[in-house]
Amino acid sequence: MTAYALEQDYWRLLGEGVGAIILYAIVGLALMLIGFYAIDLTTPGRLRGLVTAGKPNAIIVTAAGLISMAFIVVIAIYTSGGALVEGLIASTVFGLIGIVAQVISVRVLEKAVGIHIGEAMHADTFTPASLVVAAAHFALGLVVAFAIF
């Protein structure tokens, strides 16, 4: 009969891992909320109301913004090399920089392309311009995330 024993530090390491997950989840959630409100502040109309009302273009743009923020947070966590405090700080700083870069760049792109995002966000039907704005959010999230490397 073989007896199985846990490593001496198993419970401590498990607790540290659970704590890290919780802390990163809190930072990630906070950054996504900040990112949502940054998009809301720079987009004509109340974004939350548009999403709640089921406006398809608002939903597409919001989803792309949140996914791009997740890229930034994930890469910041990955590059922290397991150092919890440094990883949390890096995730927060890079996330905030990413939010600012996204909002400014997407608005510049909208102007350059001639998209009137306010009209698209309020539309009851899908507008192709929302895909351009969503792609800008997505692409910029990737650019910022890989710049962290």
C-alpha atoms as a PDB file:
ATOM      1  CA  MET A   1       0.000   0.000   0.000  1.00  0.00           C
ATOM      2  CA  THR A   2       1.376   3.395  -1.010  1.00  0.00           C
ATOM      3  CA  ALA A   3       0.785   6.414   1.178  1.00  0.00           C
ATOM      4  CA  TYR A   4       0.468   9.818  -0.402  1.00  0.00           C
ATOM      5  CA  ALA A   5       1.670  12.851   1.476  1.00  0.00           C
ATOM      6  CA  LEU A   6       1.438  16.478   0.531  1.00  0.00           C
ATOM      7  CA  GLU A   7       4.555  18.559   0.241  1.00  0.00           C
ATOM      8  CA  GLN A   8       5.388  20.450   3.414  1.00  0.00           C
ATOM      9  CA  ASP A   9       4.569  23.886   1.896  1.00  0.00           C
ATOM     10  CA  TYR A  10       1.553  22.713  -0.100  1.00  0.00           C
ATOM     11  CA  TRP A  11      -1.146  24.557   1.872  1.00  0.00           C
ATOM     12  CA  ARG A  12       0.884  27.761   2.130  1.00  0.00           C
ATOM     13  CA  LEU A  13       1.574  27.773  -1.621  1.00  0.00           C
ATOM     14  CA  LEU A  14      -2.045  26.977  -2.387  1.00  0.00           C
ATOM     15  CA  GLY A  15      -3.170  29.867  -0.177  1.00  0.00           C
ATOM     16  CA  GLU A  16      -0.729  32.258  -1.850  1.00  0.00           C
ATOM     17  CA  GLY A  17      -1.967  31.170  -5.268  1.00  0.00           C
ATOM     18  CA  VAL A  18      -5.602  31.690  -4.299  1.00  0.00           C
ATOM     19  CA  GLY A  19      -4.732  35.110  -2.873  1.00  0.00           C
ATOM     20  CA  ALA A  20      -2.926  36.085  -6.078  1.00  0.00           C
ATOM     21  CA  ILE A  21      -5.905  35.034  -8.201  1.00  0.00           C
ATOM     22  CA  ILE A  22      -8.250  37.109  -6.058  1.00  0.00           C
ATOM     23  CA  LEU A  23      -5.990  40.181  -6.168  1.00  0.00           C
ATOM     24  CA  TYR A  24      -5.469  39.975  -9.939  1.00  0.00           C
ATOM     25  CA  ALA A  25      -9.203  39.495 -10.437  1.00  0.00           C
ATOM     26  CA  ILE A  26      -9.871  42.645  -8.403  1.00  0.00           C
ATOM     27  CA  VAL A  27      -7.297  44.633 -10.410  1.00  0.00           C
ATOM     28  CA  GLY A  28      -8.656  43.247 -13.687  1.00  0.00           C
ATOM     29  CA  LEU A  29     -12.237  44.072 -12.738  1.00  0.00           C
ATOM     30  CA  ALA A  30     -11.282  47.577 -11.613  1.00  0.00           C
ATOM     31  CA  LEU A  31      -9.435  48.215 -14.890  1.00  0.00           C
ATOM     32  CA  MET A  32     -12.342  46.913 -16.952  1.00  0.00           C
ATOM     33  CA  LEU A  33     -14.737  49.174 -15.066  1.00  0.00           C
ATOM     34  CA  ILE A  34     -12.423  52.163 -15.533  1.00  0.00           C
ATOM     35  CA  GLY A  35     -12.084  51.269 -19.217  1.00  0.00           C
ATOM     36  CA  PHE A  36     -15.856  50.992 -19.590  1.00  0.00           C
ATOM     37  CA  TYR A  37     -16.400  54.397 -18.014  1.00  0.00           C
ATOM     38  CA  ALA A  38     -13.597  55.923 -20.119  1.00  0.00           C
ATOM     39  CA  ILE A  39     -15.317  54.682 -23.264  1.00  0.00           C
ATOM     40  CA  ASP A  40     -18.634  55.912 -21.841  1.00  0.00           C
ATOM     41  CA  LEU A  41     -17.264  59.409 -21.153  1.00  0.00           C
ATOM     42  CA  THR A  42     -15.856  59.778 -24.657  1.00  0.00           C
ATOM     43  CA  THR A  43     -18.804  58.286 -26.524  1.00  0.00           C
ATOM     44  CA  PRO A  44     -21.969  60.281 -27.182  1.00  0.00           C
ATOM     45  CA  GLY A  45     -24.813  58.960 -25.024  1.00  0.00           C
ATOM     46  CA  ARG A  46     -24.829  56.836 -21.890  1.00  0.00           C
ATOM     47  CA  LEU A  47     -23.030  53.634 -22.850  1.00  0.00           C
ATOM     48  CA  ARG A  48     -24.556  51.623 -20.010  1.00  0.00           C
ATOM     49  CA  GLY A  49     -28.040  52.624 -21.116  1.00  0.00           C
ATOM     50  CA  LEU A  50     -27.268  51.795 -24.734  1.00  0.00           C
ATOM     51  CA  VAL A  51     -25.931  48.358 -23.796  1.00  0.00           C
ATOM     52  CA  THR A  52     -28.877  47.694 -21.479  1.00  0.00           C
ATOM     53  CA  ALA A  53     -31.268  48.750 -24.249  1.00  0.00           C
ATOM     54  CA  GLY A  54     -29.673  46.141 -26.508  1.00  0.00           C
ATOM     55  CA  LYS A  55     -28.213  48.556 -29.058  1.00  0.00           C
ATOM     56  CA  PRO A  56     -26.084  46.169 -31.152  1.00  0.00           C
ATOM     57  CA  ASN A  57     -23.332  48.645 -32.043  1.00  0.00           C
ATOM     58  CA  ALA A  58     -22.876  49.748 -28.430  1.00  0.00           C
ATOM     59  CA  ILE A  59     -22.620  46.109 -27.386  1.00  0.00           C
ATOM     60  CA  ILE A  60     -20.017  45.338 -30.084  1.00  0.00           C
ATOM     61  CA  VAL A  61     -17.841  48.348 -29.221  1.00  0.00           C
ATOM     62  CA  THR A  62     -18.113  47.724 -25.469  1.00  0.00           C
ATOM     63  CA  ALA A  63     -17.246  44.043 -25.818  1.00  0.00           C
ATOM     64  CA  ALA A  64     -14.192  44.828 -27.942  1.00  0.00           C
ATOM     65  CA  GLY A  65     -13.030  47.419 -25.411  1.00  0.00           C
ATOM     66  CA  LEU A  66     -13.315  44.935 -22.544  1.00  0.00           C
ATOM     67  CA  ILE A  67     -11.525  42.177 -24.464  1.00  0.00           C
ATOM     68  CA  SER A  68      -8.684  44.517 -25.362  1.00  0.00           C
ATOM     69  CA  MET A  69      -8.335  45.532 -21.709  1.00  0.00           C
ATOM     70  CA  ALA A  70      -8.132  41.851 -20.783  1.00  0.00           C
ATOM     71  CA  PHE A  71      -5.203  41.422 -23.213  1.00  0.00           C
ATOM     72  CA  ILE A  72      -3.316  44.178 -21.445  1.00  0.00           C
ATOM     73  CA  VAL A  73      -3.965  42.783 -17.963  1.00  0.00           C
ATOM     74  CA  VAL A  74      -3.095  39.208 -18.970  1.00  0.00           C
ATOM     75  CA  ILE A  75       0.235  40.205 -20.546  1.00  0.00           C
ATOM     76  CA  ALA A  76       1.100  42.406 -17.564  1.00  0.00           C
ATOM     77  CA  ILE A  77       0.439  39.443 -15.256  1.00  0.00           C
ATOM     78  CA  TYR A  78       2.434  37.096 -17.486  1.00  0.00           C
ATOM     79  CA  THR A  79       5.466  39.377 -17.631  1.00  0.00           C
ATOM     80  CA  SER A  80       5.516  39.885 -13.857  1.00  0.00           C
ATOM     81  CA  GLY A  81       7.336  36.559 -13.562  1.00  0.00           C
ATOM     82  CA  GLY A  82       5.431  35.428 -10.492  1.00  0.00           C
ATOM     83  CA  ALA A  83       6.296  38.460  -8.367  1.00  0.00           C
ATOM     84  CA  LEU A  84       2.891  39.353  -6.951  1.00  0.00           C
ATOM     85  CA  VAL A  85       3.368  42.964  -5.863  1.00  0.00           C
ATOM     86  CA  GLU A  86       5.310  43.879  -9.010  1.00  0.00           C
ATOM     87  CA  GLY A  87       2.700  42.138 -11.151  1.00  0.00           C
ATOM     88  CA  LEU A  88      -0.186  43.974  -9.503  1.00  0.00           C
ATOM     89  CA  ILE A  89       1.569  47.321  -9.909  1.00  0.00           C
ATOM     90  CA  ALA A  90       2.511  46.579 -13.540  1.00  0.00           C
ATOM     91  CA  SER A  91      -1.025  45.421 -14.350  1.00  0.00           C
ATOM     92  CA  THR A  92      -2.498  48.580 -12.867  1.00  0.00           C
ATOM     93  CA  VAL A  93      -0.046  50.989 -14.520  1.00  0.00           C
ATOM     94  CA  PHE A  94      -0.109  49.298 -17.932  1.00  0.00           C
ATOM     95  CA  GLY A  95      -3.877  48.956 -17.732  1.00  0.00           C
ATOM     96  CA  LEU A  96      -4.357  52.669 -17.049  1.00  0.00           C
ATOM     97  CA  ILE A  97      -1.942  53.618 -19.826  1.00  0.00           C
ATOM     98  CA  GLY A  98      -3.768  51.220 -22.128  1.00  0.00           C
ATOM     99  CA  ILE A  99      -7.117  52.823 -21.324  1.00  0.00           C
ATOM    100  CA  VAL A 100      -5.818  56.291 -22.135  1.00  0.00           C
ATOM    101  CA  ALA A 101      -4.090  55.078 -25.320  1.00  0.00           C
ATOM    102  CA  GLN A 102      -7.217  53.256 -26.453  1.00  0.00           C
ATOM    103  CA  VAL A 103      -9.614  56.113 -25.892  1.00  0.00           C
ATOM    104  CA  ILE A 104      -7.407  58.678 -27.628  1.00  0.00           C
ATOM    105  CA  SER A 105      -6.431  56.425 -30.528  1.00  0.00           C
ATOM    106  CA  VAL A 106      -9.942  55.185 -31.222  1.00  0.00           C
ATOM    107  CA  ARG A 107     -11.304  58.730 -31.259  1.00  0.00           C
ATOM    108  CA  VAL A 108      -8.493  59.838 -33.610  1.00  0.00           C
ATOM    109  CA  LEU A 109      -9.228  56.879 -35.898  1.00  0.00           C
ATOM    110  CA  GLU A 110     -12.926  57.723 -35.918  1.00  0.00           C
ATOM    111  CA  LYS A 111     -12.126  61.278 -37.025  1.00  0.00           C
ATOM    112  CA  ALA A 112      -9.632  60.104 -39.649  1.00  0.00           C
ATOM    113  CA  VAL A 113     -12.063  57.581 -41.124  1.00  0.00           C
ATOM    114  CA  GLY A 114     -15.053  59.889 -40.800  1.00  0.00           C
ATOM    115  CA  ILE A 115     -17.087  57.690 -38.484  1.00  0.00           C
ATOM    116  CA  HIS A 116     -19.818  59.325 -36.418  1.00  0.00           C
ATOM    117  CA  ILE A 117     -19.795  56.845 -33.567  1.00  0.00           C
ATOM    118  CA  GLY A 118     -22.627  58.559 -31.716  1.00  0.00           C
ATOM    119  CA  GLU A 119     -25.043  57.799 -34.527  1.00  0.00           C
ATOM    120  CA  ALA A 120     -23.859  54.207 -34.745  1.00  0.00           C
ATOM    121  CA  MET A 121     -24.075  53.630 -30.985  1.00  0.00           C
ATOM    122  CA  HIS A 122     -27.695  54.803 -30.869  1.00  0.00           C
ATOM    123  CA  ALA A 123     -28.821  52.831 -33.936  1.00  0.00           C
ATOM    124  CA  ASP A 124     -31.307  50.017 -33.399  1.00  0.00           C
ATOM    125  CA  THR A 125     -29.724  47.935 -36.155  1.00  0.00           C
ATOM    126  CA  PHE A 126     -26.190  46.825 -36.836  1.00  0.00           C
ATOM    127  CA  THR A 127     -23.946  49.464 -38.440  1.00  0.00           C
ATOM    128  CA  PRO A 128     -20.686  48.325 -40.108  1.00  0.00           C
ATOM    129  CA  ALA A 129     -18.876  51.339 -38.621  1.00  0.00           C
ATOM    130  CA  SER A 130     -19.159  49.695 -35.204  1.00  0.00           C
ATOM    131  CA  LEU A 131     -16.906  46.888 -36.443  1.00  0.00           C
ATOM    132  CA  VAL A 132     -14.247  49.417 -37.420  1.00  0.00           C
ATOM    133  CA  VAL A 133     -14.379  50.969 -33.948  1.00  0.00           C
ATOM    134  CA  ALA A 134     -14.422  47.520 -32.309  1.00  0.00           C
ATOM    135  CA  ALA A 135     -11.438  46.457 -34.413  1.00  0.00           C
ATOM    136  CA  ALA A 136      -9.600  49.618 -33.352  1.00  0.00           C
ATOM    137  CA  HIS A 137     -10.191  48.759 -29.688  1.00  0.00           C
ATOM    138  CA  PHE A 138      -9.145  45.158 -30.233  1.00  0.00           C
ATOM    139  CA  ALA A 139      -6.030  46.039 -32.251  1.00  0.00           C
ATOM    140  CA  LEU A 140      -4.914  48.735 -29.858  1.00  0.00           C
ATOM    141  CA  GLY A 141      -5.323  46.360 -26.919  1.00  0.00           C
ATOM    142  CA  LEU A 142      -3.005  43.934 -28.705  1.00  0.00           C
ATOM    143  CA  VAL A 143      -0.477  46.661 -29.478  1.00  0.00           C
ATOM    144  CA  VAL A 144      -0.364  47.872 -25.873  1.00  0.00           C
ATOM    145  CA  ALA A 145      -0.255  44.308 -24.542  1.00  0.00           C
ATOM    146  CA  PHE A 146       2.682  43.346 -26.720  1.00  0.00           C
ATOM    147  CA  ALA A 147       4.447  46.607 -25.959  1.00  0.00           C
ATOM    148  CA  ILE A 148       4.568  45.395 -22.350  1.00  0.00           C
ATOM    149  CA  PHE A 149       6.831  42.538 -23.474  1.00  0.00           C
END
